[in-house]
Amino acid sequence: MSTFAITDQEILNDVQGALLEEQNQGASMTTDLWTTTELIQFANDRQKVLLGQTLMVVDEATIGGVVAQNRYEFPETWLGIRRVAWKDNEWREILGIPRSDPWAADHGLGSWFAPSKRPKIYNDTYLPTLQFEIAPPPQDAGILHLL
């Protein structure tokens, strides 16, 4: 299997050419439109989006669900969450948790901070990096399955 090794400098050189800037492998930008650091950050962000949306890189993990806790962290190497499921001691099957947002939690779940039998939604927006939350928090311990 062959591997492709494209360096940041090659990408920056191509971007500089497309922007009609002096091509110097990204050493410096001749205009003040963007800095080299901003271009590298943009390229890294686009790569994360590509890998996440195409499922080229998929991993599975489990996190222990803590009673009355709604915010959790996922591993540093993760690009994002594709699916969340919950399993507690009473259920024999794993129950999927749909993705939602804080607005829906506020308006659709009522008091979503009060512990419940199992989480009904998960949210990974408007939160610090590498964190997600479930609502309502579980009243019993369980296991969160992440994809």
Foldseek 3Di string as FASTA:
>chain_A
DDDDDDDQLNVLQVVCVVVVFDRDSQPATPDVPDHSVVVVVVVVLVVLVVCVVVVPDDDKDKDKADALFWKDFDDPPDSDFDWKWKDAPPDPDIGTAAEDAPVCCVPPVPPFSDADQDFRYKYDPPDPPRMITTTNRHNGMIMMMTD
